[in-house]
Amino acid sequence: MGLLVFVGQELRMLIAENKTESGPKELRVKIGVEYHLKLHALKLLKGKRMSEAVEEALEFYFDKVRLEHEAAQAEASGIQIPVLITEDDG
C-alpha cells in the first residue's frame, strides 16, 4: 500500500503508488476500547493474528478514503460516478 498524505491532488496518487518496503514496520498506538474490541473480534472471526486484523481494517479504511476522495473530485468536476448496490443494501 502506498503512502497517504492529505495534500490536495496528491492524495489519490500517493495511495495508488505501490511502494516496496523492506518488511513490516512496528507502530505503537493507543486506541479506544471499542476499536480494540472490534479488532479483536475481527481477529477471532477471521482466525488471523492481531497484526493481520489491523492491516485488513486499515486497507478497508484507506480504500474507503480513496473512493470518497475520487467521488468528491469527480463531483467537483461534474463527472457522475455510478453507485454500486451490494447485497447488503437491499
N, C-alpha and C. Protein backbone atom coordinates (compact mmCIF):
# COMPACT_ATOMS: atom_id res chain seq x y z
N MET A 1 0.85 -1.17 0.00
CA MET A 1 0.00 0.00 0.00
C MET A 1 0.89 1.22 0.00
N GLY A 2 0.46 2.24 -0.70
CA GLY A 2 1.25 3.46 -0.80
C GLY A 2 1.09 4.36 0.41
N LEU A 3 1.77 5.47 0.38
CA LEU A 3 1.76 6.45 1.45
C LEU A 3 0.52 7.33 1.32
N LEU A 4 -0.13 7.64 2.43
CA LEU A 4 -1.30 8.50 2.43
C LEU A 4 -0.93 9.86 2.99
N VAL A 5 -1.03 10.88 2.15
CA VAL A 5 -0.75 12.24 2.57
C VAL A 5 -1.87 13.12 2.04
N PHE A 6 -2.46 13.92 2.92
CA PHE A 6 -3.54 14.79 2.50
C PHE A 6 -2.96 16.11 2.00
N VAL A 7 -2.61 16.13 0.72
CA VAL A 7 -2.08 17.33 0.09
C VAL A 7 -2.79 17.51 -1.25
N GLY A 8 -4.05 17.89 -1.19
CA GLY A 8 -4.82 18.16 -2.41
C GLY A 8 -4.83 17.00 -3.37
N GLN A 9 -4.40 17.27 -4.60
CA GLN A 9 -4.44 16.29 -5.69
C GLN A 9 -3.52 15.10 -5.44
N GLU A 10 -2.53 15.23 -4.58
CA GLU A 10 -1.55 14.17 -4.37
C GLU A 10 -2.13 12.98 -3.61
N LEU A 11 -3.26 13.16 -2.93
CA LEU A 11 -3.83 12.08 -2.13
C LEU A 11 -4.04 10.83 -2.96
N ARG A 12 -4.73 10.92 -4.07
CA ARG A 12 -5.03 9.76 -4.90
C ARG A 12 -3.76 9.11 -5.43
N MET A 13 -2.83 9.90 -5.88
CA MET A 13 -1.60 9.35 -6.44
C MET A 13 -0.79 8.61 -5.39
N LEU A 14 -0.69 9.15 -4.20
CA LEU A 14 0.12 8.52 -3.18
C LEU A 14 -0.51 7.23 -2.66
N ILE A 15 -1.83 7.17 -2.61
CA ILE A 15 -2.48 5.93 -2.20
C ILE A 15 -2.27 4.86 -3.27
N ALA A 16 -2.36 5.25 -4.53
CA ALA A 16 -2.27 4.30 -5.63
C ALA A 16 -0.84 3.78 -5.82
N GLU A 17 0.15 4.58 -5.44
CA GLU A 17 1.53 4.14 -5.61
C GLU A 17 1.80 2.92 -4.74
N ASN A 18 2.46 1.95 -5.31
CA ASN A 18 2.79 0.74 -4.56
C ASN A 18 4.27 0.79 -4.20
N LYS A 19 4.54 1.15 -2.97
CA LYS A 19 5.92 1.26 -2.51
C LYS A 19 6.41 -0.11 -2.06
N THR A 20 7.63 -0.43 -2.39
CA THR A 20 8.20 -1.68 -1.90
C THR A 20 9.04 -1.37 -0.67
N GLU A 21 8.63 -1.89 0.44
CA GLU A 21 9.32 -1.69 1.70
C GLU A 21 10.08 -2.97 2.05
N SER A 22 10.96 -2.85 3.01
CA SER A 22 11.78 -4.00 3.38
C SER A 22 11.16 -4.80 4.52
N GLY A 23 9.87 -4.89 4.56
CA GLY A 23 9.20 -5.69 5.58
C GLY A 23 8.29 -4.85 6.45
N PRO A 24 7.63 -5.52 7.37
CA PRO A 24 6.68 -4.80 8.23
C PRO A 24 7.39 -3.81 9.15
N LYS A 25 6.68 -2.74 9.47
CA LYS A 25 7.19 -1.73 10.39
C LYS A 25 6.33 -1.77 11.65
N GLU A 26 6.93 -1.54 12.78
CA GLU A 26 6.20 -1.53 14.03
C GLU A 26 5.69 -0.13 14.32
N LEU A 27 4.44 -0.05 14.73
CA LEU A 27 3.81 1.21 15.07
C LEU A 27 3.02 1.02 16.35
N ARG A 28 3.38 1.75 17.36
CA ARG A 28 2.67 1.63 18.64
C ARG A 28 1.70 2.80 18.76
N VAL A 29 0.44 2.47 18.96
CA VAL A 29 -0.59 3.49 19.10
C VAL A 29 -1.52 3.13 20.25
N LYS A 30 -2.19 4.13 20.77
CA LYS A 30 -3.21 3.90 21.77
C LYS A 30 -4.55 4.10 21.07
N ILE A 31 -5.45 3.12 21.22
CA ILE A 31 -6.77 3.21 20.60
C ILE A 31 -7.82 3.01 21.68
N GLY A 32 -9.02 3.47 21.38
CA GLY A 32 -10.12 3.30 22.32
C GLY A 32 -10.49 1.83 22.48
N VAL A 33 -11.12 1.53 23.60
CA VAL A 33 -11.52 0.16 23.90
C VAL A 33 -12.45 -0.39 22.82
N GLU A 34 -13.36 0.45 22.33
CA GLU A 34 -14.30 -0.03 21.31
C GLU A 34 -13.59 -0.50 20.04
N TYR A 35 -12.54 0.22 19.63
CA TYR A 35 -11.78 -0.22 18.45
C TYR A 35 -10.98 -1.48 18.76
N HIS A 36 -10.45 -1.56 19.95
CA HIS A 36 -9.69 -2.76 20.33
C HIS A 36 -10.60 -3.98 20.29
N LEU A 37 -11.82 -3.84 20.82
CA LEU A 37 -12.76 -4.97 20.80
C LEU A 37 -13.15 -5.36 19.39
N LYS A 38 -13.36 -4.36 18.53
CA LYS A 38 -13.70 -4.65 17.13
C LYS A 38 -12.55 -5.37 16.42
N LEU A 39 -11.32 -4.91 16.65
CA LEU A 39 -10.16 -5.57 16.04
C LEU A 39 -9.98 -6.98 16.59
N HIS A 40 -10.21 -7.15 17.88
CA HIS A 40 -10.09 -8.48 18.47
C HIS A 40 -11.15 -9.42 17.89
N ALA A 41 -12.37 -8.92 17.71
CA ALA A 41 -13.43 -9.73 17.11
C ALA A 41 -13.07 -10.11 15.68
N LEU A 42 -12.52 -9.16 14.92
CA LEU A 42 -12.08 -9.45 13.55
C LEU A 42 -11.00 -10.52 13.55
N LYS A 43 -10.08 -10.41 14.47
CA LYS A 43 -9.00 -11.40 14.62
C LYS A 43 -9.58 -12.79 14.87
N LEU A 44 -10.52 -12.88 15.80
CA LEU A 44 -11.10 -14.18 16.14
C LEU A 44 -11.97 -14.73 15.00
N LEU A 45 -12.78 -13.88 14.40
CA LEU A 45 -13.69 -14.34 13.34
C LEU A 45 -12.93 -14.81 12.09
N LYS A 46 -11.83 -14.14 11.79
CA LYS A 46 -11.06 -14.47 10.59
C LYS A 46 -9.93 -15.45 10.87
N GLY A 47 -9.68 -15.75 12.16
CA GLY A 47 -8.60 -16.66 12.51
C GLY A 47 -7.24 -16.12 12.13
N LYS A 48 -7.05 -14.82 12.35
CA LYS A 48 -5.79 -14.17 11.99
C LYS A 48 -5.07 -13.68 13.23
N ARG A 49 -3.83 -13.26 13.03
CA ARG A 49 -3.10 -12.59 14.10
C ARG A 49 -3.63 -11.16 14.19
N MET A 50 -3.39 -10.53 15.33
CA MET A 50 -3.87 -9.16 15.53
C MET A 50 -3.28 -8.21 14.49
N SER A 51 -2.02 -8.38 14.14
CA SER A 51 -1.41 -7.50 13.15
C SER A 51 -2.10 -7.64 11.80
N GLU A 52 -2.54 -8.85 11.45
CA GLU A 52 -3.26 -9.07 10.19
C GLU A 52 -4.64 -8.43 10.24
N ALA A 53 -5.29 -8.49 11.40
CA ALA A 53 -6.61 -7.86 11.55
C ALA A 53 -6.49 -6.35 11.42
N VAL A 54 -5.46 -5.77 12.02
CA VAL A 54 -5.24 -4.32 11.92
C VAL A 54 -4.95 -3.94 10.47
N GLU A 55 -4.12 -4.72 9.81
CA GLU A 55 -3.79 -4.44 8.41
C GLU A 55 -5.04 -4.50 7.53
N GLU A 56 -5.89 -5.50 7.74
CA GLU A 56 -7.12 -5.63 6.96
C GLU A 56 -8.04 -4.42 7.20
N ALA A 57 -8.17 -4.01 8.45
CA ALA A 57 -9.02 -2.86 8.78
C ALA A 57 -8.47 -1.58 8.16
N LEU A 58 -7.15 -1.40 8.19
CA LEU A 58 -6.55 -0.21 7.59
C LEU A 58 -6.70 -0.20 6.08
N GLU A 59 -6.53 -1.35 5.44
CA GLU A 59 -6.72 -1.42 3.99
C GLU A 59 -8.14 -1.04 3.61
N PHE A 60 -9.12 -1.55 4.37
CA PHE A 60 -10.52 -1.21 4.13
C PHE A 60 -10.73 0.30 4.29
N TYR A 61 -10.19 0.86 5.36
CA TYR A 61 -10.33 2.29 5.62
C TYR A 61 -9.71 3.13 4.51
N PHE A 62 -8.48 2.81 4.11
CA PHE A 62 -7.80 3.61 3.09
C PHE A 62 -8.48 3.48 1.73
N ASP A 63 -9.03 2.30 1.42
CA ASP A 63 -9.80 2.15 0.19
C ASP A 63 -11.03 3.05 0.22
N LYS A 64 -11.70 3.09 1.36
CA LYS A 64 -12.89 3.93 1.51
C LYS A 64 -12.52 5.40 1.36
N VAL A 65 -11.44 5.84 2.00
CA VAL A 65 -11.00 7.23 1.90
C VAL A 65 -10.66 7.57 0.44
N ARG A 66 -9.97 6.66 -0.24
CA ARG A 66 -9.61 6.91 -1.63
C ARG A 66 -10.85 7.05 -2.50
N LEU A 67 -11.82 6.16 -2.33
CA LEU A 67 -13.05 6.21 -3.12
C LEU A 67 -13.84 7.48 -2.84
N GLU A 68 -13.92 7.88 -1.58
CA GLU A 68 -14.62 9.12 -1.23
C GLU A 68 -13.93 10.33 -1.85
N HIS A 69 -12.60 10.32 -1.81
CA HIS A 69 -11.84 11.43 -2.40
C HIS A 69 -12.05 11.49 -3.90
N GLU A 70 -12.01 10.35 -4.57
CA GLU A 70 -12.23 10.32 -6.01
C GLU A 70 -13.64 10.76 -6.37
N ALA A 71 -14.63 10.35 -5.56
CA ALA A 71 -16.02 10.76 -5.81
C ALA A 71 -16.17 12.27 -5.63
N ALA A 72 -15.53 12.83 -4.62
CA ALA A 72 -15.60 14.27 -4.39
C ALA A 72 -14.95 15.03 -5.53
N GLN A 73 -13.82 14.52 -6.02
CA GLN A 73 -13.15 15.16 -7.16
C GLN A 73 -14.02 15.08 -8.41
N ALA A 74 -14.64 13.92 -8.63
CA ALA A 74 -15.50 13.75 -9.79
C ALA A 74 -16.71 14.66 -9.71
N GLU A 75 -17.29 14.76 -8.53
CA GLU A 75 -18.46 15.64 -8.34
C GLU A 75 -18.07 17.09 -8.59
N ALA A 76 -16.90 17.49 -8.12
CA ALA A 76 -16.44 18.86 -8.31
C ALA A 76 -16.20 19.17 -9.79
N SER A 77 -15.84 18.15 -10.56
CA SER A 77 -15.58 18.37 -11.98
C SER A 77 -16.79 18.03 -12.84
N GLY A 78 -17.93 17.66 -12.21
CA GLY A 78 -19.16 17.42 -12.94
C GLY A 78 -19.30 16.02 -13.52
N ILE A 79 -18.42 15.10 -13.14
CA ILE A 79 -18.48 13.72 -13.63
C ILE A 79 -19.37 12.91 -12.70
N GLN A 80 -20.27 12.11 -13.25
CA GLN A 80 -21.11 11.26 -12.42
C GLN A 80 -20.49 9.88 -12.31
N ILE A 81 -20.40 9.39 -11.09
CA ILE A 81 -19.87 8.06 -10.83
C ILE A 81 -21.04 7.15 -10.50
N PRO A 82 -21.16 5.99 -11.18
CA PRO A 82 -22.29 5.10 -10.89
C PRO A 82 -22.22 4.56 -9.48
N VAL A 83 -23.38 4.41 -8.86
CA VAL A 83 -23.45 3.87 -7.49
C VAL A 83 -23.61 2.37 -7.59
N LEU A 84 -22.75 1.64 -6.87
CA LEU A 84 -22.82 0.18 -6.86
C LEU A 84 -23.73 -0.25 -5.72
N ILE A 85 -24.65 -1.15 -6.01
CA ILE A 85 -25.55 -1.67 -4.98
C ILE A 85 -25.08 -3.07 -4.63
N THR A 86 -24.85 -3.29 -3.33
CA THR A 86 -24.41 -4.61 -2.87
C THR A 86 -25.61 -5.35 -2.31
N GLU A 87 -25.41 -6.62 -2.03
CA GLU A 87 -26.49 -7.43 -1.46
C GLU A 87 -26.95 -6.89 -0.13
N ASP A 88 -26.03 -6.30 0.63
CA ASP A 88 -26.37 -5.74 1.95
C ASP A 88 -27.29 -4.53 1.83
N ASP A 89 -27.22 -3.82 0.70
CA ASP A 89 -28.02 -2.59 0.52
C ASP A 89 -29.49 -2.88 0.25
N GLY A 90 -29.77 -4.03 -0.22
CA GLY A 90 -31.17 -4.15 -0.46
C GLY A 90 -31.63 -5.32 -1.16
